[in-house]
Amino acid sequence: MFKYFKDSYNELVHKVSWPSFPQLQSSAVVVMVASFIFAVVVLAMDLSFENVMAAIYKGLANLGR
């Protein structure tokens, strides 16, 4: 078990290429923008579905009168 952790540490320190801070910042911006766009799309779908369902329920309520 100790060898596993030693090898893992060695690989993370010496073999993995870590991104630079500017690369991390640009990636974070991309993720935030994509998340915002996705949230807006989900909001639009939710509002349109709510309006469609309200129209359907209103139409079904008028049929019963």
PDB file of N, CA and C in Angstrom:
ATOM      1  N   MET A   1       0.830  -1.190   0.000  1.00  0.00           N
ATOM      2  CA  MET A   1       0.000   0.000   0.000  1.00  0.00           C
ATOM      3  C   MET A   1       0.881   1.263   0.000  1.00  0.00           C
ATOM      4  N   PHE A   2       1.969   1.225   0.765  1.00  0.00           N
ATOM      5  CA  PHE A   2       2.860   2.375   0.815  1.00  0.00           C
ATOM      6  C   PHE A   2       3.493   2.632  -0.554  1.00  0.00           C
ATOM      7  N   LYS A   3       3.845   1.564  -1.257  1.00  0.00           N
ATOM      8  CA  LYS A   3       4.445   1.698  -2.593  1.00  0.00           C
ATOM      9  C   LYS A   3       3.453   2.348  -3.567  1.00  0.00           C
ATOM     10  N   TYR A   4       2.187   1.991  -3.441  1.00  0.00           N
ATOM     11  CA  TYR A   4       1.159   2.576  -4.306  1.00  0.00           C
ATOM     12  C   TYR A   4       1.108   4.093  -4.117  1.00  0.00           C
ATOM     13  N   PHE A   5       1.068   4.554  -2.873  1.00  0.00           N
ATOM     14  CA  PHE A   5       1.014   5.988  -2.617  1.00  0.00           C
ATOM     15  C   PHE A   5       2.308   6.681  -3.054  1.00  0.00           C
ATOM     16  N   LYS A   6       3.427   6.039  -2.859  1.00  0.00           N
ATOM     17  CA  LYS A   6       4.703   6.597  -3.281  1.00  0.00           C
ATOM     18  C   LYS A   6       4.744   6.735  -4.798  1.00  0.00           C
ATOM     19  N   ASP A   7       4.304   5.703  -5.526  1.00  0.00           N
ATOM     20  CA  ASP A   7       4.271   5.752  -6.988  1.00  0.00           C
ATOM     21  C   ASP A   7       3.268   6.796  -7.488  1.00  0.00           C
ATOM     22  N   SER A   8       2.131   6.888  -6.831  1.00  0.00           N
ATOM     23  CA  SER A   8       1.127   7.879  -7.224  1.00  0.00           C
ATOM     24  C   SER A   8       1.666   9.287  -7.054  1.00  0.00           C
ATOM     25  N   TYR A   9       2.314   9.536  -5.920  1.00  0.00           N
ATOM     26  CA  TYR A   9       2.902  10.846  -5.677  1.00  0.00           C
ATOM     27  C   TYR A   9       3.981  11.152  -6.713  1.00  0.00           C
ATOM     28  N   ASN A  10       4.812  10.196  -6.994  1.00  0.00           N
ATOM     29  CA  ASN A  10       5.884  10.383  -7.981  1.00  0.00           C
ATOM     30  C   ASN A  10       5.300  10.714  -9.353  1.00  0.00           C
ATOM     31  N   GLU A  11       4.251  10.032  -9.732  1.00  0.00           N
ATOM     32  CA  GLU A  11       3.638  10.290 -11.030  1.00  0.00           C
ATOM     33  C   GLU A  11       3.013  11.681 -11.072  1.00  0.00           C
ATOM     34  N   LEU A  12       2.306  12.071 -10.004  1.00  0.00           N
ATOM     35  CA  LEU A  12       1.673  13.388  -9.983  1.00  0.00           C
ATOM     36  C   LEU A  12       2.696  14.517 -10.001  1.00  0.00           C
ATOM     37  N   VAL A  13       3.821  14.319  -9.338  1.00  0.00           N
ATOM     38  CA  VAL A  13       4.817  15.385  -9.242  1.00  0.00           C
ATOM     39  C   VAL A  13       5.695  15.460 -10.493  1.00  0.00           C
ATOM     40  N   HIS A  14       6.074  14.321 -11.048  1.00  0.00           N
ATOM     41  CA  HIS A  14       7.078  14.322 -12.112  1.00  0.00           C
ATOM     42  C   HIS A  14       6.545  14.029 -13.514  1.00  0.00           C
ATOM     43  N   LYS A  15       5.410  13.400 -13.649  1.00  0.00           N
ATOM     44  CA  LYS A  15       4.953  12.984 -14.975  1.00  0.00           C
ATOM     45  C   LYS A  15       3.727  13.737 -15.486  1.00  0.00           C
ATOM     46  N   VAL A  16       2.972  14.339 -14.593  1.00  0.00           N
ATOM     47  CA  VAL A  16       1.753  15.043 -14.998  1.00  0.00           C
ATOM     48  C   VAL A  16       2.120  16.469 -15.387  1.00  0.00           C
ATOM     49  N   SER A  17       1.587  16.929 -16.516  1.00  0.00           N
ATOM     50  CA  SER A  17       1.817  18.324 -16.904  1.00  0.00           C
ATOM     51  C   SER A  17       0.607  19.141 -16.435  1.00  0.00           C
ATOM     52  N   TRP A  18       0.845  20.008 -15.491  1.00  0.00           N
ATOM     53  CA  TRP A  18      -0.215  20.816 -14.913  1.00  0.00           C
ATOM     54  C   TRP A  18      -0.397  22.081 -15.745  1.00  0.00           C
ATOM     55  N   PRO A  19      -1.635  22.554 -15.896  1.00  0.00           N
ATOM     56  CA  PRO A  19      -1.861  23.779 -16.670  1.00  0.00           C
ATOM     57  C   PRO A  19      -1.339  25.002 -15.911  1.00  0.00           C
ATOM     58  N   SER A  20      -1.023  26.029 -16.673  1.00  0.00           N
ATOM     59  CA  SER A  20      -0.578  27.270 -16.047  1.00  0.00           C
ATOM     60  C   SER A  20      -1.788  28.030 -15.507  1.00  0.00           C
ATOM     61  N   PHE A  21      -1.517  29.042 -14.685  1.00  0.00           N
ATOM     62  CA  PHE A  21      -2.618  29.808 -14.099  1.00  0.00           C
ATOM     63  C   PHE A  21      -3.467  30.506 -15.158  1.00  0.00           C
ATOM     64  N   PRO A  22      -2.887  31.130 -16.188  1.00  0.00           N
ATOM     65  CA  PRO A  22      -3.731  31.721 -17.243  1.00  0.00           C
ATOM     66  C   PRO A  22      -4.596  30.685 -17.969  1.00  0.00           C
ATOM     67  N   GLN A  23      -4.073  29.484 -18.167  1.00  0.00           N
ATOM     68  CA  GLN A  23      -4.885  28.432 -18.786  1.00  0.00           C
ATOM     69  C   GLN A  23      -6.060  28.056 -17.882  1.00  0.00           C
ATOM     70  N   LEU A  24      -5.800  27.992 -16.578  1.00  0.00           N
ATOM     71  CA  LEU A  24      -6.882  27.692 -15.632  1.00  0.00           C
ATOM     72  C   LEU A  24      -7.939  28.785 -15.646  1.00  0.00           C
ATOM     73  N   GLN A  25      -7.505  30.040 -15.708  1.00  0.00           N
ATOM     74  CA  GLN A  25      -8.451  31.144 -15.744  1.00  0.00           C
ATOM     75  C   GLN A  25      -9.314  31.095 -17.000  1.00  0.00           C
ATOM     76  N   SER A  26      -8.705  30.854 -18.138  1.00  0.00           N
ATOM     77  CA  SER A  26      -9.487  30.816 -19.374  1.00  0.00           C
ATOM     78  C   SER A  26     -10.447  29.628 -19.375  1.00  0.00           C
ATOM     79  N   SER A  27     -10.017  28.498 -18.834  1.00  0.00           N
ATOM     80  CA  SER A  27     -10.905  27.344 -18.738  1.00  0.00           C
ATOM     81  C   SER A  27     -12.076  27.630 -17.803  1.00  0.00           C
ATOM     82  N   ALA A  28     -11.799  28.318 -16.709  1.00  0.00           N
ATOM     83  CA  ALA A  28     -12.868  28.658 -15.768  1.00  0.00           C
ATOM     84  C   ALA A  28     -13.890  29.592 -16.412  1.00  0.00           C
ATOM     85  N   VAL A  29     -13.414  30.536 -17.206  1.00  0.00           N
ATOM     86  CA  VAL A  29     -14.320  31.453 -17.901  1.00  0.00           C
ATOM     87  C   VAL A  29     -15.188  30.684 -18.894  1.00  0.00           C
ATOM     88  N   VAL A  30     -14.595  29.766 -19.616  1.00  0.00           N
ATOM     89  CA  VAL A  30     -15.351  28.962 -20.587  1.00  0.00           C
ATOM     90  C   VAL A  30     -16.441  28.158 -19.867  1.00  0.00           C
ATOM     91  N   VAL A  31     -16.098  27.564 -18.733  1.00  0.00           N
ATOM     92  CA  VAL A  31     -17.073  26.774 -17.978  1.00  0.00           C
ATOM     93  C   VAL A  31     -18.198  27.666 -17.456  1.00  0.00           C
ATOM     94  N   MET A  32     -17.863  28.852 -16.955  1.00  0.00           N
ATOM     95  CA  MET A  32     -18.897  29.764 -16.442  1.00  0.00           C
ATOM     96  C   MET A  32     -19.832  30.233 -17.545  1.00  0.00           C
ATOM     97  N   VAL A  33     -19.277  30.583 -18.710  1.00  0.00           N
ATOM     98  CA  VAL A  33     -20.112  31.032 -19.826  1.00  0.00           C
ATOM     99  C   VAL A  33     -21.001  29.896 -20.315  1.00  0.00           C
ATOM    100  N   ALA A  34     -20.447  28.699 -20.455  1.00  0.00           N
ATOM    101  CA  ALA A  34     -21.250  27.555 -20.901  1.00  0.00           C
ATOM    102  C   ALA A  34     -22.342  27.235 -19.891  1.00  0.00           C
ATOM    103  N   SER A  35     -22.035  27.322 -18.605  1.00  0.00           N
ATOM    104  CA  SER A  35     -23.042  27.062 -17.565  1.00  0.00           C
ATOM    105  C   SER A  35     -24.160  28.095 -17.625  1.00  0.00           C
ATOM    106  N   PHE A  36     -23.801  29.357 -17.847  1.00  0.00           N
ATOM    107  CA  PHE A  36     -24.813  30.413 -17.949  1.00  0.00           C
ATOM    108  C   PHE A  36     -25.713  30.186 -19.162  1.00  0.00           C
ATOM    109  N   ILE A  37     -25.114  29.858 -20.298  1.00  0.00           N
ATOM    110  CA  ILE A  37     -25.906  29.595 -21.505  1.00  0.00           C
ATOM    111  C   ILE A  37     -26.832  28.407 -21.291  1.00  0.00           C
ATOM    112  N   PHE A  38     -26.319  27.350 -20.674  1.00  0.00           N
ATOM    113  CA  PHE A  38     -27.138  26.179 -20.400  1.00  0.00           C
ATOM    114  C   PHE A  38     -28.292  26.533 -19.470  1.00  0.00           C
ATOM    115  N   ALA A  39     -28.027  27.356 -18.444  1.00  0.00           N
ATOM    116  CA  ALA A  39     -29.078  27.762 -17.516  1.00  0.00           C
ATOM    117  C   ALA A  39     -30.152  28.578 -18.219  1.00  0.00           C
ATOM    118  N   VAL A  40     -29.754  29.461 -19.135  1.00  0.00           N
ATOM    119  CA  VAL A  40     -30.725  30.269 -19.878  1.00  0.00           C
ATOM    120  C   VAL A  40     -31.575  29.377 -20.778  1.00  0.00           C
ATOM    121  N   VAL A  41     -30.964  28.394 -21.417  1.00  0.00           N
ATOM    122  CA  VAL A  41     -31.714  27.471 -22.277  1.00  0.00           C
ATOM    123  C   VAL A  41     -32.722  26.672 -21.444  1.00  0.00           C
ATOM    124  N   VAL A  42     -32.301  26.180 -20.282  1.00  0.00           N
ATOM    125  CA  VAL A  42     -33.215  25.433 -19.424  1.00  0.00           C
ATOM    126  C   VAL A  42     -34.347  26.329 -18.932  1.00  0.00           C
ATOM    127  N   LEU A  43     -34.044  27.590 -18.587  1.00  0.00           N
ATOM    128  CA  LEU A  43     -35.079  28.540 -18.171  1.00  0.00           C
ATOM    129  C   LEU A  43     -36.088  28.769 -19.285  1.00  0.00           C
ATOM    130  N   ALA A  44     -35.598  28.961 -20.508  1.00  0.00           N
ATOM    131  CA  ALA A  44     -36.498  29.179 -21.648  1.00  0.00           C
ATOM    132  C   ALA A  44     -37.382  27.964 -21.885  1.00  0.00           C
ATOM    133  N   MET A  45     -36.809  26.777 -21.788  1.00  0.00           N
ATOM    134  CA  MET A  45     -37.603  25.560 -21.970  1.00  0.00           C
ATOM    135  C   MET A  45     -38.644  25.435 -20.861  1.00  0.00           C
ATOM    136  N   ASP A  46     -38.275  25.755 -19.630  1.00  0.00           N
ATOM    137  CA  ASP A  46     -39.196  25.659 -18.511  1.00  0.00           C
ATOM    138  C   ASP A  46     -40.363  26.640 -18.665  1.00  0.00           C
ATOM    139  N   LEU A  47     -40.043  27.874 -19.025  1.00  0.00           N
ATOM    140  CA  LEU A  47     -41.102  28.865 -19.195  1.00  0.00           C
ATOM    141  C   LEU A  47     -42.028  28.517 -20.353  1.00  0.00           C
ATOM    142  N   SER A  48     -41.463  28.039 -21.457  1.00  0.00           N
ATOM    143  CA  SER A  48     -42.313  27.682 -22.595  1.00  0.00           C
ATOM    144  C   SER A  48     -43.176  26.471 -22.262  1.00  0.00           C
ATOM    145  N   PHE A  49     -42.623  25.498 -21.563  1.00  0.00           N
ATOM    146  CA  PHE A  49     -43.417  24.334 -21.170  1.00  0.00           C
ATOM    147  C   PHE A  49     -44.529  24.746 -20.205  1.00  0.00           C
ATOM    148  N   GLU A  50     -44.219  25.679 -19.302  1.00  0.00           N
ATOM    149  CA  GLU A  50     -45.238  26.167 -18.366  1.00  0.00           C
ATOM    150  C   GLU A  50     -46.380  26.839 -19.117  1.00  0.00           C
ATOM    151  N   ASN A  51     -46.041  27.647 -20.122  1.00  0.00           N
ATOM    152  CA  ASN A  51     -47.081  28.326 -20.898  1.00  0.00           C
ATOM    153  C   ASN A  51     -47.901  27.345 -21.727  1.00  0.00           C
ATOM    154  N   VAL A  52     -47.250  26.365 -22.312  1.00  0.00           N
ATOM    155  CA  VAL A  52     -47.975  25.358 -23.092  1.00  0.00           C
ATOM    156  C   VAL A  52     -48.925  24.573 -22.194  1.00  0.00           C
ATOM    157  N   MET A  53     -48.450  24.164 -21.037  1.00  0.00           N
ATOM    158  CA  MET A  53     -49.303  23.395 -20.127  1.00  0.00           C
ATOM    159  C   MET A  53     -50.463  24.246 -19.605  1.00  0.00           C
ATOM    160  N   ALA A  54     -50.228  25.533 -19.349  1.00  0.00           N
ATOM    161  CA  ALA A  54     -51.305  26.419 -18.895  1.00  0.00           C
ATOM    162  C   ALA A  54     -52.368  26.545 -19.986  1.00  0.00           C
ATOM    163  N   ALA A  55     -51.942  26.652 -21.243  1.00  0.00           N
ATOM    164  CA  ALA A  55     -52.898  26.742 -22.347  1.00  0.00           C
ATOM    165  C   ALA A  55     -53.682  25.444 -22.485  1.00  0.00           C
ATOM    166  N   ILE A  56     -53.015  24.314 -22.324  1.00  0.00           N
ATOM    167  CA  ILE A  56     -53.707  23.025 -22.414  1.00  0.00           C
ATOM    168  C   ILE A  56     -54.728  22.892 -21.299  1.00  0.00           C
ATOM    169  N   TYR A  57     -54.325  23.231 -20.074  1.00  0.00           N
ATOM    170  CA  TYR A  57     -55.264  23.125 -18.940  1.00  0.00           C
ATOM    171  C   TYR A  57     -56.435  24.084 -19.094  1.00  0.00           C
ATOM    172  N   LYS A  58     -56.161  25.289 -19.618  1.00  0.00           N
ATOM    173  CA  LYS A  58     -57.234  26.264 -19.822  1.00  0.00           C
ATOM    174  C   LYS A  58     -58.199  25.739 -20.885  1.00  0.00           C
ATOM    175  N   GLY A  59     -57.662  25.141 -21.953  1.00  0.00           N
ATOM    176  CA  GLY A  59     -58.514  24.575 -22.999  1.00  0.00           C
ATOM    177  C   GLY A  59     -59.324  23.396 -22.496  1.00  0.00           C
ATOM    178  N   LEU A  60     -58.735  22.545 -21.665  1.00  0.00           N
ATOM    179  CA  LEU A  60     -59.477  21.419 -21.118  1.00  0.00           C
ATOM    180  C   LEU A  60     -60.542  21.875 -20.121  1.00  0.00           C
ATOM    181  N   ALA A  61     -60.259  22.949 -19.393  1.00  0.00           N
ATOM    182  CA  ALA A  61     -61.247  23.466 -18.441  1.00  0.00           C
ATOM    183  C   ALA A  61     -62.437  24.064 -19.191  1.00  0.00           C
ATOM    184  N   ASN A  62     -62.200  24.660 -20.336  1.00  0.00           N
ATOM    185  CA  ASN A  62     -63.303  25.236 -21.124  1.00  0.00           C
ATOM    186  C   ASN A  62     -64.148  24.156 -21.780  1.00  0.00           C
ATOM    187  N   LEU A  63     -63.574  22.987 -22.020  1.00  0.00           N
ATOM    188  CA  LEU A  63     -64.363  21.897 -22.608  1.00  0.00           C
ATOM    189  C   LEU A  63     -65.397  21.371 -21.620  1.00  0.00           C
ATOM    190  N   GLY A  64     -65.111  21.431 -20.359  1.00  0.00           N
ATOM    191  CA  GLY A  64     -66.020  20.905 -19.344  1.00  0.00           C
ATOM    192  C   GLY A  64     -67.185  21.811 -19.047  1.00  0.00           C
ATOM    193  N   ARG A  65     -67.192  23.030 -19.557  1.00  0.00           N
ATOM    194  CA  ARG A  65     -68.286  23.964 -19.264  1.00  0.00           C
ATOM    195  C   ARG A  65     -69.417  23.861 -20.226  1.00  0.00           C
TER     196      ARG A  65
END
